[in-house]
Structure formats: structure tokens, C-alpha cells
Protein backbone atom coordinates (compact mmCIF):
# COMPACT_ATOMS: atom_id res chain seq x y z
CA MET A 1 21.40 -15.98 -2.64
CA ASN A 2 24.71 -15.03 -0.71
CA ALA A 3 25.28 -15.96 3.18
CA ALA A 4 24.25 -12.34 4.24
CA ARG A 5 20.81 -12.23 2.30
CA ARG A 6 20.07 -15.67 3.47
CA THR A 7 20.41 -14.61 7.29
CA ALA A 8 19.08 -11.32 6.81
CA THR A 9 15.14 -10.56 7.67
CA GLY A 10 12.27 -8.91 5.27
CA LEU A 11 12.95 -7.63 2.05
CA ARG A 12 16.96 -7.40 3.09
CA ARG A 13 16.87 -10.81 1.60
CA PHE A 14 16.28 -9.56 -1.79
CA LEU A 15 17.44 -6.05 -1.76
CA ASP A 16 20.12 -4.40 0.25
CA LEU A 17 19.88 -1.09 2.02
CA GLU A 18 21.22 0.99 -1.39
CA GLN A 19 18.83 -1.11 -3.62
CA GLN A 20 15.96 0.18 -1.46
CA ARG A 21 16.65 3.67 -1.35
CA HIS A 22 17.47 3.72 -4.96
CA TRP A 23 14.05 2.37 -5.40
CA ILE A 24 12.50 4.76 -2.96
CA GLU A 25 13.91 7.84 -4.79
CA GLY A 26 12.86 6.28 -8.49
CA LYS A 27 16.21 5.77 -9.58
CA ALA A 28 15.88 2.34 -10.26
CA THR A 29 13.44 -0.52 -10.60
CA PRO A 30 14.84 -3.86 -9.06
CA ARG A 31 14.41 -6.92 -11.21
CA ASP A 32 11.24 -8.98 -9.93
CA ALA A 33 10.36 -12.62 -10.40
CA ASP A 34 9.22 -13.70 -13.71
CA GLU A 35 6.58 -15.99 -12.13
CA ARG A 36 4.07 -15.47 -9.28
CA SER A 37 3.96 -18.31 -6.49
CA GLU A 38 0.32 -19.06 -6.47
CA SER A 39 -1.68 -21.20 -4.56
CA PRO A 40 -5.26 -22.65 -6.32
CA GLU A 41 -6.81 -23.25 -2.90
CA GLN A 42 -5.74 -19.75 -1.61
CA ARG A 43 -7.37 -18.46 -4.99
CA LEU A 44 -10.59 -20.17 -4.78
CA LYS A 45 -11.26 -19.19 -0.92
CA TYR A 46 -11.96 -15.33 -1.81
CA VAL A 47 -13.46 -15.84 -5.44
CA ALA A 48 -16.95 -15.39 -3.92
CA ARG A 49 -15.90 -12.05 -2.09
CA PHE A 50 -14.10 -10.83 -5.26
CA GLN A 51 -17.40 -11.26 -7.36
CA LYS A 52 -19.24 -9.28 -4.70
CA LEU A 53 -16.61 -6.53 -5.14
CA LEU A 54 -17.08 -6.68 -8.74
CA GLY A 55 -20.85 -6.07 -8.55
CA ARG A 56 -20.43 -2.55 -6.86
CA PRO A 57 -20.49 0.69 -8.52
CA GLN A 58 -17.04 1.51 -7.40
CA ALA A 59 -15.23 -1.87 -8.52
CA GLN A 60 -13.56 -0.18 -11.74
CA ASP A 61 -12.14 2.55 -9.76
CA ILE A 62 -11.00 0.25 -6.87
CA LEU A 63 -9.10 -1.90 -9.60
CA GLU A 64 -7.54 0.96 -11.45
CA ILE A 65 -6.12 2.28 -8.13
CA LEU A 66 -4.88 -1.04 -7.09
CA ARG A 67 -2.96 -1.06 -10.16
CA LEU A 68 -1.61 2.10 -9.45
CA TYR A 69 -0.30 1.34 -6.07
CA GLY A 70 1.11 -1.67 -6.93
CA ARG A 71 3.11 0.01 -9.82
CA ASN A 72 4.03 2.86 -7.36
CA CYS A 73 4.19 1.68 -4.05
CA ILE A 74 5.34 -2.25 -3.72
CA PRO A 75 8.70 -3.27 -4.49
CA ILE A 76 9.16 -6.59 -6.32
CA PRO A 77 5.81 -7.30 -5.67
CA ARG A 78 5.58 -10.63 -7.65
CA LYS A 79 8.35 -12.09 -5.48
CA THR A 80 7.26 -10.75 -2.51
CA GLU A 81 3.39 -11.33 -2.82
CA ARG A 82 1.74 -12.88 0.04
CA HIS A 83 4.52 -13.66 2.24
CA TYR A 84 5.46 -9.88 2.65
CA TRP A 85 2.56 -7.95 1.38
CA SER A 86 -0.88 -9.06 0.81
CA VAL A 87 -4.11 -7.58 -0.61
CA SER A 88 -7.56 -8.27 1.37
CA CYS A 89 -11.19 -8.59 -0.41
CA LEU A 90 -13.98 -7.18 1.76
CA PRO A 91 -12.22 -8.10 4.86
CA SER A 92 -14.41 -8.94 8.12
CA SER A 93 -13.44 -5.67 10.19
CA PRO A 94 -15.62 -3.30 11.92
CA ASP A 95 -15.02 -0.30 9.62
CA LYS A 96 -16.08 -2.46 6.61
CA PRO A 97 -13.15 -1.74 4.01
CA LEU A 98 -13.51 -2.96 0.58
CA VAL A 99 -9.94 -3.58 -0.13
CA ARG A 100 -7.06 -3.48 2.51
CA VAL A 101 -3.13 -3.78 1.72
CA ASN A 102 -0.92 -5.28 4.47
CA ALA A 103 2.44 -5.95 5.41
CA SER A 104 3.98 -7.79 8.74
CA TRP A 105 1.28 -6.72 11.34
CA MET A 106 0.45 -3.32 10.01
CA GLU A 107 -2.07 -1.73 7.48
CA LEU A 108 -0.64 0.17 4.65
CA PHE A 109 -3.51 1.04 2.58
CA THR A 110 -7.33 0.80 2.75
CA ILE A 111 -10.34 1.78 0.16
CA HIS A 112 -13.58 2.18 1.69
CA ALA A 113 -17.04 3.27 -0.20
CA ASP A 114 -17.89 6.98 -0.08
CA GLY A 115 -21.57 6.76 -1.38
CA GLU A 116 -20.92 5.39 -4.89
CA ASP A 117 -17.66 7.05 -4.98
CA ILE A 118 -14.37 5.81 -2.87
CA ARG A 119 -12.21 7.23 -0.16
CA ALA A 120 -8.76 5.95 1.22
CA ARG A 121 -6.35 5.88 3.69
CA PHE A 122 -2.81 6.02 3.65
CA LEU A 123 -0.39 5.25 6.43
CA VAL A 124 3.08 6.94 6.23
CA HIS A 125 5.95 8.15 8.37
CA LEU A 126 4.91 11.51 10.21
CA SER A 127 8.35 12.85 9.78
CA ASP A 128 8.27 12.30 5.96
CA LEU A 129 5.18 15.00 5.78
CA THR A 130 5.90 17.44 8.49
CA THR A 131 7.63 21.04 7.32
CA ASP A 132 10.85 20.01 9.22
CA HIS A 133 11.38 16.28 9.12
CA SER A 134 10.45 16.52 12.88
CA LEU A 135 7.87 14.30 15.08
CA ALA A 136 5.59 17.41 15.80
CA GLN A 137 2.17 16.73 15.28
CA SER A 138 1.92 20.46 14.82
CA ASP A 139 4.04 20.80 11.80
CA VAL A 140 2.08 18.83 9.03
CA ASP A 141 2.95 20.18 5.86
CA GLU A 142 -0.59 20.75 5.21
CA GLU A 143 0.08 22.97 2.12
CA PHE A 144 1.41 20.19 0.63
CA LEU A 145 -1.01 17.66 1.48
CA GLU A 146 -3.87 19.90 -0.17
CA SER A 147 -1.64 19.90 -3.45
CA CYS A 148 -1.94 16.11 -3.63
CA VAL A 149 -5.67 16.18 -4.08
CA ALA A 150 -8.15 17.71 -6.73
CA THR A 151 -9.77 20.05 -4.14
CA PRO A 152 -8.22 21.04 -0.67
CA GLU A 153 -11.36 19.39 1.22
CA ASP A 154 -10.80 16.06 -0.27
CA VAL A 155 -7.71 15.38 2.17
CA GLY A 156 -7.63 14.80 6.04
CA TYR A 157 -5.05 13.23 8.49
CA PHE A 158 -5.27 11.75 11.78
CA PHE A 159 -2.51 10.07 14.30
CA PRO A 160 -2.81 6.26 14.87
CA ARG A 161 -0.77 5.16 17.89
CA GLY A 162 2.91 4.27 17.61
CA GLU A 163 5.85 6.38 17.08
CA ASP A 164 6.44 8.02 13.79
CA ILE A 165 3.10 7.10 11.97
CA PHE A 166 0.75 9.31 9.99
CA GLY A 167 -2.89 8.46 8.64
CA ILE A 168 -3.74 10.26 5.48
CA THR A 169 -7.62 10.11 4.48
CA VAL A 170 -8.61 10.91 0.75
CA ARG A 171 -12.05 11.22 -0.69
CA SER A 172 -12.83 10.68 -4.36
CA ALA A 173 -11.03 8.43 -6.79
CA ALA A 174 -9.67 11.47 -8.62
CA SER A 175 -7.89 12.59 -5.74
CA ILE A 176 -6.53 9.23 -4.77
CA ARG A 177 -5.17 8.90 -8.49
CA LYS A 178 -3.42 12.36 -8.14
CA CYS A 179 -2.09 11.08 -4.58
CA LEU A 180 -0.33 8.13 -6.18
CA ALA A 181 1.08 10.22 -9.21
CA THR A 182 2.62 12.86 -6.59
CA PRO A 183 6.53 11.80 -6.32
CA ARG A 184 6.99 13.09 -2.75
CA LEU A 185 3.87 11.25 -1.12
CA VAL A 186 4.94 8.19 -3.33
CA ARG A 187 8.50 8.60 -1.72
CA ALA A 188 6.81 8.60 1.86
CA ILE A 189 4.63 5.72 0.85
CA ARG A 190 7.38 3.79 -0.38
CA THR A 191 9.39 4.56 2.68
CA PHE A 192 6.92 3.36 5.00
CA ASN A 193 6.07 0.19 3.15
CA LEU A 194 9.67 -0.74 2.85
CA THR A 195 9.75 -0.12 6.79
CA HIS A 196 7.21 -2.84 7.33
CA MET A 197 7.88 -5.29 4.55
CA ASN A 198 11.35 -5.25 6.07
CA ARG A 199 10.30 -6.50 9.57
CA GLY A 200 9.69 -10.05 8.38
CA ARG A 201 6.67 -12.41 7.15
CA ASN A 202 3.47 -10.84 6.68
CA ALA A 203 1.01 -11.74 9.17
CA TYR A 204 -2.28 -11.69 6.85
CA GLN A 205 -1.34 -14.22 4.44
CA ALA A 206 -4.50 -16.46 4.91
CA SER A 207 -6.64 -13.33 3.93
CA HIS A 208 -4.72 -12.86 0.27
CA CYS A 209 -6.89 -12.32 -2.40
CA HIS A 210 -5.37 -13.42 -5.76
CA SER A 211 -7.80 -12.29 -7.77
CA LEU A 212 -7.52 -8.66 -6.26
CA ALA A 213 -3.71 -9.39 -6.87
CA ASP A 214 -4.01 -10.08 -10.38
CA TYR A 215 -5.33 -6.13 -10.63
CA LEU A 216 -2.52 -4.97 -8.25
CA LEU A 217 0.20 -6.84 -10.16
CA ASP A 218 -1.29 -5.55 -13.69
CA ASP A 219 -1.55 -9.52 -14.60
């Protein structure tokens, strides 16, 4: 690693800005680590929660969607596992999520139960999903959002606190899969994820579930 990368923060330690832009645009897939850095104690810590999740009717959809999310939305995931992103299993939050992906201090992606189906929450930059790339909440590209899901009723949105942050809610596994196959939305997710992975080390390392990460990493 050269001197500039040793002193850089976040993913700039591994990928310069041009490499990051190429990944966002789908022009290149940067080389990942061959091996994962794993803690046996950390894996054991969340085995019981993972087994509980596997007993839920939504388990197979959750694992498949995590695999899609990891493949499409996290750069060099093995090299950055736990230290720059993490996935939590049945985290103890008031909204009772099933799965949550975090980076730095930020939630990136969350899955909840919706009866026997699921619903998801994605966070992106508002300016990536307005009609003119502005920060005006009135300019959300609703037509595009409705095109990302199986039926228009499956998508909603909200405005979290913070500049240029936009929340998308998606109902049904089928619609979540469609979102993760929509190039413009994937680019928006990648951009937001890199913003927060570049801010430094992940604050949620202690809640990382290696068993869930196995699926996100397709191991």
C-alpha cells in the first residue's frame, strides 16, 4: 500500500476515487481479498439469533436478497467486512428489524417482516433520485420509483434527518429483487454506501453476524 493510501480514510485506503466511480457506474469490479478476516468468537456470539431467523417463514427470501445486495451494492466486501460494513441479525431496535446493514454510523439497508412476506428500507442521496438532481423534496422522481417495483403500491418514501438523505420503502420480496436489478437505483445505492464507507471505520462491528455475512458474500 503506498503512502497516500496509508494516510487515507475509509475505502480510499483500498480504492482511489476514479476506481470508486468506475465501480459505481458498473465499468469495473475491483479485485477483492481472497480470504475473509473472521473472528470465531464473533461468529459464535450470534449463532442463536441466526438460527432463530432461519425458523422464520421469510428466511429464504431474506438470504437471497442479502446475496443480491452484497453482489450489487457493497464494494470489495471481503476486504472490508465488519471494519467498513456490517450486517446484524435480529438487532434489538425499536422497529424490530430482521436484518440491517450498516456502515460508519449510518443504516444502509434494512429488512422487516411484513406478514409472511418482507419489506425493505434503502437509504440513498435525495439528489440521485430527483428529476433534476436537486435537493428539493418536491422533485422526487416518483415515476421512476414506481418503475422499480412489481406494482406501484409497493414503493413509498420518506425524508430522514440529514442533508441529501432519502429513504425508500419497498414491500414484497419480488419488488425488492426488482429494485436490486434496476441500474439507476443500484448506482444511487452504491453512491450512498461509498459516501458512508469512506467516512471511516464501521461503528457497528460488535453486532456483525458472520453467519448472515456468509450469504451476503455468497460463501
